[in-house]
């Protein structure tokens, strides 16, 4: 296997050295477009991974919070409770 890998690497080096210049110009707009697309894909993948990691933690915290009894004797000062008590 090592012999095949050595031949493959040698072939890649020879092919890269043998290649002639393309004599083409790529402007800065195309490069910036490629970079912004790459950053967008990386941001989307990162956000998806963060969401996958955070989702179980949020569920566990919600279950834990619902399981704990109220510390102040069952009274709550949340806006929803105040509105419901006031008749809104």
Protein backbone atom coordinates (compact mmCIF):
# COMPACT_ATOMS: atom_id res chain seq x y z
CA UNK A 1 0.00 0.00 0.00
CA UNK A 2 2.84 2.37 0.78
CA UNK A 3 4.31 1.81 -2.69
CA UNK A 4 1.01 2.79 -4.34
CA UNK A 5 0.79 5.90 -2.23
CA UNK A 6 4.33 6.92 -3.18
CA UNK A 7 3.58 6.45 -6.88
CA UNK A 8 0.36 8.46 -6.53
CA UNK A 9 2.10 11.36 -4.79
CA UNK A 10 4.93 11.33 -7.35
CA UNK A 11 2.38 11.37 -10.19
CA UNK A 12 0.58 14.35 -8.64
CA UNK A 13 3.85 16.27 -8.27
CA UNK A 14 4.85 15.57 -11.89
CA UNK A 15 1.38 16.56 -13.16
CA UNK A 16 1.44 19.82 -11.17
CA UNK A 17 4.94 20.66 -12.41
CA UNK A 18 4.07 19.84 -16.01
CA UNK A 19 0.98 22.05 -16.16
CA UNK A 20 1.29 25.18 -18.25
CA UNK A 21 -0.01 28.54 -17.01
CA UNK A 22 -3.61 29.22 -18.01
CA UNK A 23 -2.98 32.86 -18.96
CA UNK A 24 -6.35 33.78 -17.52
CA UNK A 25 -7.34 36.61 -15.20
CA UNK A 26 -9.74 36.16 -12.34
CA UNK A 27 -10.86 39.53 -11.05
CA UNK A 28 -11.33 40.46 -7.43
CA UNK A 29 -15.11 40.30 -7.71
CA UNK A 30 -15.08 36.60 -8.49
CA UNK A 31 -12.70 35.89 -5.64
CA UNK A 32 -14.82 37.84 -3.17
CA UNK A 33 -17.93 36.05 -4.39
CA UNK A 34 -16.31 32.67 -3.80
CA UNK A 35 -15.11 33.74 -0.34
CA UNK A 36 -18.50 35.10 0.68
CA UNK A 37 -20.22 31.92 -0.51
CA UNK A 38 -17.70 29.85 1.45
CA UNK A 39 -18.24 31.93 4.58
CA UNK A 40 -22.00 31.60 4.17
CA UNK A 41 -21.79 27.82 3.91
CA UNK A 42 -19.46 27.65 6.92
CA UNK A 43 -21.79 29.87 8.95
CA UNK A 44 -24.79 27.72 8.03
CA UNK A 45 -22.99 24.51 8.98
CA UNK A 46 -21.79 26.08 12.24
CA UNK A 47 -25.27 27.29 13.11
CA UNK A 48 -26.73 23.86 12.37
CA UNK A 49 -24.14 22.15 14.55
CA UNK A 50 -24.69 24.65 17.35
CA UNK A 51 -28.45 24.08 17.13
CA UNK A 52 -27.97 20.31 17.30
CA UNK A 53 -25.77 20.67 20.38
CA UNK A 54 -27.93 23.26 22.18
CA UNK A 55 -31.33 21.64 21.55
CA UNK A 56 -30.96 18.76 24.06
CA UNK A 57 -29.48 21.12 26.64
CA UNK A 58 -32.45 23.47 26.36
CA UNK A 59 -34.91 20.57 26.70
CA UNK A 60 -33.08 19.27 29.77
CA UNK A 61 -33.09 22.71 31.38
CA UNK A 62 -36.82 23.15 30.68
CA UNK A 63 -37.64 19.76 32.20
CA UNK A 64 -35.48 20.54 35.20
CA UNK A 65 -37.09 23.96 35.65
CA UNK A 66 -40.62 22.49 35.44
CA UNK A 67 -39.76 19.75 37.94
CA UNK A 68 -38.50 22.19 40.59
CA UNK A 69 -41.17 23.62 42.92
CA UNK A 70 -41.47 27.37 43.21
CA UNK A 71 -39.12 28.81 45.83
CA UNK A 72 -41.38 31.69 46.89
CA UNK A 73 -44.39 29.57 47.91
CA UNK A 74 -45.92 29.19 44.47
CA UNK A 75 -46.42 32.85 43.61
CA UNK A 76 -45.06 34.12 40.36
CA UNK A 77 -44.51 37.64 39.12
CA UNK A 78 -44.25 36.84 35.43
CA UNK A 79 -46.02 39.15 33.02
CA UNK A 80 -48.40 36.41 31.87
CA UNK A 81 -49.48 35.65 35.44
CA UNK A 82 -50.00 39.32 36.28
CA UNK A 83 -52.08 39.81 33.11
CA UNK A 84 -54.21 36.76 33.82
CA UNK A 85 -54.84 37.91 37.39
CA UNK A 86 -55.79 41.39 36.22
CA UNK A 87 -58.27 40.01 33.69
CA UNK A 88 -56.46 40.98 30.51
